[in-house]
Amino acid sequence: MGTGLVYHLGQLKYVDSASDSTSLNASLLIYLAGGVGGAILAIIFIVVVVFMRKSRQSARAVKRMRNQMDILEARVAKECKEGQKILNSLLFFIRCSNCTFYFYTM
């Protein structure tokens, strides 16, 4: 039965387990160190990007608040000028008349 069939299955090689495991461990450590280093760099990059984004947002908020403060100061200055004009006109009216200031405040 099957006298002409011959199968070549390959070679069997015995390797010292100590030398094979050290090369495997060394390459595993290299890959592990590269992965950890890459992860650390990725985390640092993400932190820097988030920090820059937050700083831009805060700078925009400060700029917006300064603009609002300038508008508010301009409105207050306008009201003060109008009040000063009214007060000056009242004082001029009081000085021009014969009555004292106390009489007009009553």
Protein backbone atom coordinates (compact mmCIF):
# COMPACT_ATOMS: atom_id res chain seq x y z
CA MET A 1 0.00 0.00 0.00
CA GLY A 2 1.55 3.32 -1.14
CA THR A 3 5.08 2.22 -1.75
CA GLY A 4 5.74 5.09 -4.15
CA LEU A 5 4.42 7.83 -1.85
CA VAL A 6 7.08 9.77 -0.02
CA TYR A 7 6.35 12.92 1.95
CA HIS A 8 9.07 15.29 3.05
CA LEU A 9 7.87 16.82 6.31
CA GLY A 10 10.76 19.17 7.00
CA GLN A 11 13.50 19.31 9.56
CA LEU A 12 13.32 19.20 13.29
CA LYS A 13 15.80 21.45 15.06
CA TYR A 14 16.44 21.64 18.77
CA VAL A 15 17.53 25.04 20.07
CA ASP A 16 18.84 25.84 23.47
CA SER A 17 15.89 27.46 25.28
CA ALA A 18 18.07 29.90 27.24
CA SER A 19 19.50 31.68 24.16
CA ASP A 20 16.12 31.75 22.37
CA SER A 21 14.25 33.18 25.35
CA THR A 22 16.77 35.99 25.88
CA SER A 23 16.42 37.17 22.30
CA LEU A 24 12.64 36.95 22.63
CA ASN A 25 12.69 38.85 25.91
CA ALA A 26 15.00 41.53 24.47
CA SER A 27 12.77 42.14 21.47
CA LEU A 28 9.68 42.11 23.70
CA LEU A 29 11.26 44.72 25.98
CA ILE A 30 12.18 46.89 23.00
CA TYR A 31 8.62 46.79 21.66
CA LEU A 32 7.17 47.38 25.11
CA ALA A 33 9.46 50.36 25.73
CA GLY A 34 8.56 51.80 22.33
CA GLY A 35 4.86 51.40 23.02
CA VAL A 36 5.08 53.01 26.45
CA GLY A 37 7.22 55.85 25.10
CA GLY A 38 4.78 56.43 22.25
CA ALA A 39 1.85 56.47 24.65
CA ILE A 40 3.61 59.00 26.88
CA LEU A 41 4.38 61.22 23.89
CA ALA A 42 0.77 60.99 22.73
CA ILE A 43 -0.49 61.98 26.20
CA ILE A 44 1.92 64.92 26.35
CA PHE A 45 0.81 66.05 22.90
CA ILE A 46 -2.86 65.87 23.89
CA VAL A 47 -2.21 67.84 27.09
CA VAL A 48 -0.35 70.56 25.16
CA VAL A 49 -3.13 70.84 22.57
CA VAL A 50 -5.82 71.10 25.28
CA PHE A 51 -3.77 73.70 27.17
CA MET A 52 -3.29 75.82 24.06
CA ARG A 53 -6.99 75.63 23.25
CA LYS A 54 -7.99 76.67 26.77
CA SER A 55 -5.51 79.54 26.75
CA ARG A 56 -6.96 80.80 23.46
CA GLN A 57 -10.47 80.61 24.91
CA SER A 58 -9.43 82.54 28.01
CA ALA A 59 -7.67 85.16 25.87
CA ARG A 60 -10.87 85.61 23.85
CA ALA A 61 -12.89 85.92 27.06
CA VAL A 62 -10.51 88.56 28.43
CA LYS A 63 -10.69 90.49 25.16
CA ARG A 64 -14.49 90.34 25.21
CA MET A 65 -14.59 91.56 28.83
CA ARG A 66 -12.21 94.43 28.04
CA ASN A 67 -14.43 95.45 25.16
CA GLN A 68 -17.51 95.36 27.42
CA MET A 69 -15.67 97.40 30.07
CA ASP A 70 -14.70 100.03 27.47
CA ILE A 71 -18.31 100.27 26.31
CA LEU A 72 -19.52 100.57 29.90
CA GLU A 73 -16.94 103.26 30.70
CA ALA A 74 -18.00 105.21 27.61
CA ARG A 75 -21.66 105.05 28.68
CA VAL A 76 -20.82 106.16 32.23
CA ALA A 77 -18.70 109.03 30.90
CA LYS A 78 -21.56 110.13 28.66
CA GLU A 79 -24.02 110.05 31.57
CA CYS A 80 -21.61 112.00 33.76
CA LYS A 81 -21.19 114.66 31.08
CA GLU A 82 -24.95 115.00 30.72
CA GLY A 83 -25.38 115.20 34.49
CA GLN A 84 -22.65 117.82 34.72
CA LYS A 85 -24.37 119.89 32.03
CA ILE A 86 -27.69 119.73 33.89
CA LEU A 87 -26.02 120.61 37.19
CA ASN A 88 -24.17 123.54 35.62
CA SER A 89 -27.35 124.87 34.08
CA LEU A 90 -29.18 124.59 37.42
CA LEU A 91 -26.35 126.34 39.27
CA PHE A 92 -26.30 129.09 36.66
CA PHE A 93 -30.06 129.53 37.08
CA ILE A 94 -29.74 129.70 40.88
CA ARG A 95 -26.90 132.22 40.75
CA CYS A 96 -28.78 134.44 38.36
CA SER A 97 -31.89 134.66 40.48
CA ASN A 98 -32.27 136.61 43.71
CA CYS A 99 -33.27 133.57 45.75
CA THR A 100 -30.84 131.47 47.68
CA PHE A 101 -30.02 127.87 46.92
CA TYR A 102 -31.76 126.73 50.08
CA PHE A 103 -35.04 128.05 48.80
CA TYR A 104 -34.87 125.89 45.62
CA THR A 105 -33.99 122.74 47.52
CA MET A 106 -37.08 122.94 49.70
